[in-house]
C-alpha atoms as a PDB file:
ATOM      1  CA  MET A   1      13.168  27.670 -18.468  1.00  0.00           C
ATOM      2  CA  ALA A   2      16.939  27.182 -17.844  1.00  0.00           C
ATOM      3  CA  PHE A   3      16.713  24.831 -14.794  1.00  0.00           C
ATOM      4  CA  GLY A   4      20.112  23.591 -13.613  1.00  0.00           C
ATOM      5  CA  ALA A   5      21.205  21.240 -10.600  1.00  0.00           C
ATOM      6  CA  ASN A   6      21.213  23.925  -7.858  1.00  0.00           C
ATOM      7  CA  GLU A   7      17.588  25.064  -8.667  1.00  0.00           C
ATOM      8  CA  LEU A   8      16.566  21.426  -8.808  1.00  0.00           C
ATOM      9  CA  LYS A   9      18.053  20.837  -5.348  1.00  0.00           C
ATOM     10  CA  GLN A  10      15.885  23.770  -4.035  1.00  0.00           C
ATOM     11  CA  LEU A  11      12.835  22.369  -5.638  1.00  0.00           C
ATOM     12  CA  ILE A  12      13.390  19.058  -3.910  1.00  0.00           C
ATOM     13  CA  LEU A  13      13.838  20.920  -0.674  1.00  0.00           C
ATOM     14  CA  ASP A  14      10.595  22.661  -1.175  1.00  0.00           C
ATOM     15  CA  VAL A  15       8.925  19.280  -1.986  1.00  0.00           C
ATOM     16  CA  GLY A  16      10.433  17.930   1.376  1.00  0.00           C
ATOM     17  CA  SER A  17       9.053  20.908   3.269  1.00  0.00           C
ATOM     18  CA  VAL A  18       5.402  20.357   1.897  1.00  0.00           C
ATOM     19  CA  ILE A  19       5.599  16.589   2.835  1.00  0.00           C
ATOM     20  CA  GLU A  20       6.776  17.496   6.254  1.00  0.00           C
ATOM     21  CA  GLN A  21       3.896  20.016   6.389  1.00  0.00           C
ATOM     22  CA  ASN A  22       1.265  17.483   5.464  1.00  0.00           C
ATOM     23  CA  LYS A  23       2.849  14.331   7.143  1.00  0.00           C
ATOM     24  CA  GLU A  24       0.126  14.164   9.791  1.00  0.00           C
ATOM     25  CA  MET A  25      -2.537  14.270   7.191  1.00  0.00           C
ATOM     26  CA  LEU A  26      -0.961  11.623   5.155  1.00  0.00           C
ATOM     27  CA  THR A  27      -0.542   9.349   7.855  1.00  0.00           C
ATOM     28  CA  ASP A  28      -4.383   9.730   8.953  1.00  0.00           C
ATOM     29  CA  LEU A  29      -5.306   8.873   5.390  1.00  0.00           C
ATOM     30  CA  ASP A  30      -3.051   5.795   5.593  1.00  0.00           C
ATOM     31  CA  ARG A  31      -4.451   4.817   8.994  1.00  0.00           C
ATOM     32  CA  ALA A  32      -7.953   4.343   7.535  1.00  0.00           C
ATOM     33  CA  ILE A  33      -6.808   1.892   4.699  1.00  0.00           C
ATOM     34  CA  GLY A  34      -3.007   0.906   5.265  1.00  0.00           C
ATOM     35  CA  ASP A  35      -0.203   1.011   7.987  1.00  0.00           C
ATOM     36  CA  ALA A  36      -0.568   4.548   9.311  1.00  0.00           C
ATOM     37  CA  ASP A  37       2.884   5.448   8.487  1.00  0.00           C
ATOM     38  CA  HIS A  38       2.852   6.957   4.971  1.00  0.00           C
ATOM     39  CA  GLY A  39       3.316  10.542   6.076  1.00  0.00           C
ATOM     40  CA  THR A  40       6.105   9.575   8.614  1.00  0.00           C
ATOM     41  CA  ASN A  41       7.953   7.571   6.259  1.00  0.00           C
ATOM     42  CA  MET A  42       7.845  10.038   3.454  1.00  0.00           C
ATOM     43  CA  ALA A  43       8.884  12.916   5.830  1.00  0.00           C
ATOM     44  CA  ARG A  44      11.706  10.728   7.139  1.00  0.00           C
ATOM     45  CA  GLY A  45      12.827   9.964   3.350  1.00  0.00           C
ATOM     46  CA  PHE A  46      12.672  13.714   2.321  1.00  0.00           C
ATOM     47  CA  GLN A  47      14.846  14.686   5.354  1.00  0.00           C
ATOM     48  CA  ALA A  48      17.434  12.177   4.417  1.00  0.00           C
ATOM     49  CA  VAL A  49      17.365  13.608   0.987  1.00  0.00           C
ATOM     50  CA  ALA A  50      17.965  16.973   2.230  1.00  0.00           C
ATOM     51  CA  ASP A  51      21.015  15.757   4.206  1.00  0.00           C
ATOM     52  CA  LYS A  52      22.368  13.973   1.030  1.00  0.00           C
ATOM     53  CA  LEU A  53      21.794  17.029  -1.251  1.00  0.00           C
ATOM     54  CA  GLU A  54      23.477  19.378   1.265  1.00  0.00           C
ATOM     55  CA  ALA A  55      26.484  17.332   0.725  1.00  0.00           C
ATOM     56  CA  LEU A  56      26.236  16.823  -2.981  1.00  0.00           C
ATOM     57  CA  SER A  57      28.382  18.816  -5.268  1.00  0.00           C
ATOM     58  CA  ASP A  58      29.342  18.908  -8.907  1.00  0.00           C
ATOM     59  CA  ALA A  59      26.173  16.905  -9.820  1.00  0.00           C
ATOM     60  CA  ASP A  60      24.081  17.537 -12.965  1.00  0.00           C
ATOM     61  CA  PRO A  61      20.266  17.404 -12.735  1.00  0.00           C
ATOM     62  CA  GLY A  62      20.157  13.930 -13.514  1.00  0.00           C
ATOM     63  CA  GLY A  63      22.581  13.016 -10.713  1.00  0.00           C
ATOM     64  CA  VAL A  64      20.511  15.075  -8.455  1.00  0.00           C
ATOM     65  CA  LEU A  65      17.505  12.974  -9.135  1.00  0.00           C
ATOM     66  CA  LYS A  66      19.207   9.704  -8.867  1.00  0.00           C
ATOM     67  CA  THR A  67      20.620  10.735  -5.452  1.00  0.00           C
ATOM     68  CA  VAL A  68      16.949  11.413  -4.352  1.00  0.00           C
ATOM     69  CA  GLY A  69      15.908   8.119  -5.871  1.00  0.00           C
ATOM     70  CA  MET A  70      18.473   6.020  -3.956  1.00  0.00           C
ATOM     71  CA  THR A  71      17.918   7.813  -0.852  1.00  0.00           C
ATOM     72  CA  LEU A  72      14.073   7.183  -0.949  1.00  0.00           C
ATOM     73  CA  VAL A  73      14.778   3.638  -1.713  1.00  0.00           C
ATOM     74  CA  SER A  74      16.947   3.272   1.306  1.00  0.00           C
ATOM     75  CA  THR A  75      14.975   5.293   3.982  1.00  0.00           C
ATOM     76  CA  VAL A  76      11.233   5.142   3.208  1.00  0.00           C
ATOM     77  CA  GLY A  77       9.328   2.159   4.349  1.00  0.00           C
ATOM     78  CA  GLY A  78       6.535   0.297   2.913  1.00  0.00           C
ATOM     79  CA  ALA A  79       5.826   0.279  -0.700  1.00  0.00           C
ATOM     80  CA  ALA A  80       6.428   3.976  -1.125  1.00  0.00           C
ATOM     81  CA  GLY A  81      10.117   3.823  -0.954  1.00  0.00           C
ATOM     82  CA  PRO A  82      10.680   1.483  -3.836  1.00  0.00           C
ATOM     83  CA  LEU A  83       8.020   3.305  -5.985  1.00  0.00           C
ATOM     84  CA  TYR A  84       9.126   6.788  -5.287  1.00  0.00           C
ATOM     85  CA  GLY A  85      12.661   5.874  -5.398  1.00  0.00           C
ATOM     86  CA  THR A  86      12.089   4.205  -8.802  1.00  0.00           C
ATOM     87  CA  ALA A  87      10.163   7.180 -10.130  1.00  0.00           C
ATOM     88  CA  PHE A  88      13.043   9.589  -9.268  1.00  0.00           C
ATOM     89  CA  LEU A  89      15.721   7.104 -10.543  1.00  0.00           C
ATOM     90  CA  ARG A  90      13.979   6.825 -13.832  1.00  0.00           C
ATOM     91  CA  ALA A  91      13.369  10.534 -14.189  1.00  0.00           C
ATOM     92  CA  GLY A  92      17.130  11.074 -13.509  1.00  0.00           C
ATOM     93  CA  MET A  93      18.152   8.419 -16.186  1.00  0.00           C
ATOM     94  CA  ALA A  94      15.904  10.135 -18.666  1.00  0.00           C
ATOM     95  CA  LEU A  95      17.845  13.234 -18.210  1.00  0.00           C
ATOM     96  CA  GLY A  96      21.205  11.862 -18.871  1.00  0.00           C
ATOM     97  CA  ASP A  97      23.987  14.251 -18.277  1.00  0.00           C
ATOM     98  CA  LYS A  98      22.156  17.598 -19.441  1.00  0.00           C
ATOM     99  CA  GLU A  99      23.448  20.491 -17.385  1.00  0.00           C
ATOM    100  CA  SER A 100      20.137  22.718 -17.994  1.00  0.00           C
ATOM    101  CA  LEU A 101      16.531  21.467 -18.395  1.00  0.00           C
ATOM    102  CA  THR A 102      13.781  22.526 -20.802  1.00  0.00           C
ATOM    103  CA  PRO A 103      10.198  21.977 -20.349  1.00  0.00           C
ATOM    104  CA  GLU A 104      10.410  18.929 -22.638  1.00  0.00           C
ATOM    105  CA  ASP A 105      13.076  17.502 -20.397  1.00  0.00           C
ATOM    106  CA  LEU A 106      10.696  17.772 -17.571  1.00  0.00           C
ATOM    107  CA  GLN A 107       7.964  16.036 -19.568  1.00  0.00           C
ATOM    108  CA  GLN A 108      10.423  13.348 -20.628  1.00  0.00           C
ATOM    109  CA  ALA A 109      11.536  12.862 -16.989  1.00  0.00           C
ATOM    110  CA  LEU A 110       7.978  12.644 -15.580  1.00  0.00           C
ATOM    111  CA  THR A 111       7.022  10.029 -18.452  1.00  0.00           C
ATOM    112  CA  ALA A 112       9.969   7.895 -17.421  1.00  0.00           C
ATOM    113  CA  ALA A 113       9.094   8.238 -13.770  1.00  0.00           C
ATOM    114  CA  LEU A 114       5.416   7.169 -14.685  1.00  0.00           C
ATOM    115  CA  GLU A 115       6.529   4.132 -16.598  1.00  0.00           C
ATOM    116  CA  GLY A 116       8.975   3.187 -13.599  1.00  0.00           C
ATOM    117  CA  VAL A 117       6.194   3.277 -11.044  1.00  0.00           C
ATOM    118  CA  LYS A 118       3.864   1.075 -13.328  1.00  0.00           C
ATOM    119  CA  GLN A 119       6.628  -1.575 -13.924  1.00  0.00           C
ATOM    120  CA  ARG A 120       7.680  -1.523 -10.330  1.00  0.00           C
ATOM    121  CA  GLY A 121       4.226  -1.736  -8.744  1.00  0.00           C
ATOM    122  CA  LYS A 122       2.656  -3.829 -11.370  1.00  0.00           C
ATOM    123  CA  ALA A 123      -0.389  -1.434 -11.026  1.00  0.00           C
ATOM    124  CA  GLU A 124      -2.613   0.509 -13.375  1.00  0.00           C
ATOM    125  CA  PRO A 125      -4.888   3.591 -13.025  1.00  0.00           C
ATOM    126  CA  GLY A 126      -8.179   2.483 -11.284  1.00  0.00           C
ATOM    127  CA  ASP A 127      -6.234   0.329  -8.654  1.00  0.00           C
ATOM    128  CA  LYS A 128      -6.517   2.890  -6.160  1.00  0.00           C
ATOM    129  CA  THR A 129      -2.846   3.912  -5.979  1.00  0.00           C
ATOM    130  CA  MET A 130      -0.422   6.790  -6.781  1.00  0.00           C
ATOM    131  CA  LEU A 131      -0.997   6.122 -10.365  1.00  0.00           C
ATOM    132  CA  ASP A 132      -4.493   7.406 -10.108  1.00  0.00           C
ATOM    133  CA  ALA A 133      -2.904  10.810  -9.611  1.00  0.00           C
ATOM    134  CA  LEU A 134       0.379  10.459 -11.574  1.00  0.00           C
ATOM    135  CA  GLU A 135      -0.841   9.190 -14.876  1.00  0.00           C
ATOM    136  CA  PRO A 136      -3.619  11.766 -15.525  1.00  0.00           C
ATOM    137  CA  ALA A 137      -0.932  14.517 -14.183  1.00  0.00           C
ATOM    138  CA  VAL A 138       1.663  13.414 -16.956  1.00  0.00           C
ATOM    139  CA  ASN A 139      -0.909  13.299 -19.510  1.00  0.00           C
ATOM    140  CA  ALA A 140      -2.170  16.838 -18.674  1.00  0.00           C
ATOM    141  CA  LEU A 141       1.306  18.201 -18.679  1.00  0.00           C
ATOM    142  CA  THR A 142       2.214  16.555 -21.951  1.00  0.00           C
ATOM    143  CA  ASP A 143      -0.929  17.908 -23.781  1.00  0.00           C
ATOM    144  CA  ALA A 144      -0.431  21.332 -22.286  1.00  0.00           C
ATOM    145  CA  LEU A 145       3.048  21.521 -23.675  1.00  0.00           C
ATOM    146  CA  ALA A 146       1.906  20.109 -26.955  1.00  0.00           C
ATOM    147  CA  ALA A 147      -0.668  23.085 -27.082  1.00  0.00           C
ATOM    148  CA  GLY A 148       2.131  25.639 -26.576  1.00  0.00           C
ATOM    149  CA  GLY A 149       1.759  26.232 -22.909  1.00  0.00           C
ATOM    150  CA  ASP A 150       4.696  27.098 -20.736  1.00  0.00           C
ATOM    151  CA  VAL A 151       6.166  24.993 -18.006  1.00  0.00           C
ATOM    152  CA  THR A 152       4.196  26.493 -15.161  1.00  0.00           C
ATOM    153  CA  THR A 153       0.990  26.461 -17.197  1.00  0.00           C
ATOM    154  CA  ALA A 154       1.626  22.702 -17.982  1.00  0.00           C
ATOM    155  CA  LEU A 155       2.393  21.889 -14.321  1.00  0.00           C
ATOM    156  CA  ASP A 156      -0.732  23.665 -13.171  1.00  0.00           C
ATOM    157  CA  ALA A 157      -2.752  21.524 -15.632  1.00  0.00           C
ATOM    158  CA  ALA A 158      -0.794  18.473 -14.071  1.00  0.00           C
ATOM    159  CA  VAL A 159      -1.722  19.595 -10.532  1.00  0.00           C
ATOM    160  CA  GLN A 160      -5.259  19.998 -11.318  1.00  0.00           C
ATOM    161  CA  ALA A 161      -5.371  16.598 -13.018  1.00  0.00           C
ATOM    162  CA  ALA A 162      -3.756  14.976 -10.050  1.00  0.00           C
ATOM    163  CA  GLU A 163      -6.205  16.525  -7.687  1.00  0.00           C
ATOM    164  CA  SER A 164      -9.077  15.142  -9.656  1.00  0.00           C
ATOM    165  CA  GLY A 165      -7.286  11.604  -9.663  1.00  0.00           C
ATOM    166  CA  VAL A 166      -6.971  11.970  -5.811  1.00  0.00           C
ATOM    167  CA  GLU A 167     -10.820  12.623  -5.666  1.00  0.00           C
ATOM    168  CA  HIS A 168     -11.324   9.759  -7.908  1.00  0.00           C
ATOM    169  CA  THR A 169      -9.641   7.245  -5.431  1.00  0.00           C
ATOM    170  CA  LYS A 170     -12.565   7.932  -3.012  1.00  0.00           C
ATOM    171  CA  THR A 171     -14.943   6.310  -5.558  1.00  0.00           C
ATOM    172  CA  ILE A 172     -13.034   3.175  -6.320  1.00  0.00           C
ATOM    173  CA  VAL A 173     -12.181  -0.148  -4.477  1.00  0.00           C
ATOM    174  CA  ALA A 174      -8.417  -0.855  -3.848  1.00  0.00           C
ATOM    175  CA  ARG A 175      -6.944  -3.554  -6.011  1.00  0.00           C
ATOM    176  CA  LYS A 176      -3.232  -3.174  -5.030  1.00  0.00           C
ATOM    177  CA  GLY A 177      -1.190  -2.897  -1.621  1.00  0.00           C
ATOM    178  CA  ARG A 178      -2.573  -3.315   2.007  1.00  0.00           C
ATOM    179  CA  ALA A 179      -5.699  -1.346   1.136  1.00  0.00           C
ATOM    180  CA  SER A 180      -6.807  -4.298  -1.222  1.00  0.00           C
ATOM    181  CA  TYR A 181      -7.285  -6.302   1.812  1.00  0.00           C
ATOM    182  CA  LEU A 182     -10.214  -4.377   2.713  1.00  0.00           C
ATOM    183  CA  GLY A 183     -12.077  -5.095  -0.461  1.00  0.00           C
ATOM    184  CA  GLU A 184     -15.281  -2.878  -0.613  1.00  0.00           C
ATOM    185  CA  ARG A 185     -14.377  -1.277   2.673  1.00  0.00           C
ATOM    186  CA  SER A 186     -11.845   0.811   1.047  1.00  0.00           C
ATOM    187  CA  LEU A 187     -14.421   2.682  -0.770  1.00  0.00           C
ATOM    188  CA  GLY A 188     -14.971   6.145   0.262  1.00  0.00           C
ATOM    189  CA  HIS A 189     -11.290   6.581   1.565  1.00  0.00           C
ATOM    190  CA  GLN A 190      -8.677   8.745  -0.276  1.00  0.00           C
ATOM    191  CA  ASP A 191      -5.596   7.100  -1.366  1.00  0.00           C
ATOM    192  CA  PRO A 192      -2.567   8.366   0.577  1.00  0.00           C
ATOM    193  CA  GLY A 193       0.019   7.659  -2.239  1.00  0.00           C
ATOM    194  CA  ALA A 194      -2.074   9.397  -4.615  1.00  0.00           C
ATOM    195  CA  THR A 195      -2.311  12.316  -2.334  1.00  0.00           C
ATOM    196  CA  SER A 196       1.510  12.486  -1.590  1.00  0.00           C
ATOM    197  CA  THR A 197       2.002  12.558  -5.506  1.00  0.00           C
ATOM    198  CA  TYR A 198      -0.382  15.406  -5.776  1.00  0.00           C
ATOM    199  CA  LEU A 199       1.495  17.204  -3.079  1.00  0.00           C
ATOM    200  CA  ILE A 200       4.641  16.734  -4.780  1.00  0.00           C
ATOM    201  CA  LEU A 201       3.578  18.131  -7.982  1.00  0.00           C
ATOM    202  CA  LYS A 202       1.875  20.955  -6.490  1.00  0.00           C
ATOM    203  CA  ALA A 203       5.207  21.714  -4.604  1.00  0.00           C
ATOM    204  CA  MET A 204       6.936  21.669  -8.002  1.00  0.00           C
ATOM    205  CA  ARG A 205       4.544  24.124  -9.480  1.00  0.00           C
ATOM    206  CA  ASP A 206       4.534  26.465  -6.677  1.00  0.00           C
ATOM    207  CA  HIS A 207       8.265  26.529  -6.705  1.00  0.00           C
ATOM    208  CA  LEU A 208       8.305  27.380 -10.303  1.00  0.00           C
ATOM    209  CA  MET A 209       5.618  29.952  -9.889  1.00  0.00           C
ATOM    210  CA  ARG A 210       7.507  31.812  -7.225  1.00  0.00           C
ATOM    211  CA  ARG A 211      10.417  31.670  -9.426  1.00  0.00           C
ATOM    212  CA  ARG A 212       8.628  33.354 -12.262  1.00  0.00           C
ATOM    213  CA  ALA A 213       7.260  36.008  -9.863  1.00  0.00           C
ATOM    214  CA  ASP A 214      10.810  36.789  -8.549  1.00  0.00           C
ATOM    215  CA  GLY A 215      11.906  37.364 -12.173  1.00  0.00           C
END
């Protein structure tokens, strides 16, 4: 996988399109246990990202991800802005000034993103947050690459793990964020942050699958 800045920009734009397509669903999920704004906030943030990326030139992949992170921090409201912003910033920092990315670089970037979200949110898997999708996804991707899988196979494993994590959030009580105020009433509800994490990973996988199909 030779993956440079221009392709990374297109991948991020694809992520933004998926968030836009699902913003009502994400907001509906958030209406049940949060502030009813996760989808609209995320869509606004990724539209701002698209505007920034259009004007961005001469950036390496790490610079692209740092730009995404800083933009999300400044445009996405609630907890999602700092958390997703930190994830992209840490991923960009992990890449350094590399011009072309390998599957191992992707794994390192996602691992850095995971650690950043943990530190910023002071949460762990089982708290009914985005970590319930993100951590199993990163673990699955790491295991798939270690077993000799290619990047699309590894991302497919990550997406499946994230989807299972989203389903798991329906079975647990929220311990972090606004949803935690509901206590036992948060049971049965799907976490919107875990869902948007799943959608982002799925958009990444789908982008790479289309790229492979196009040769």
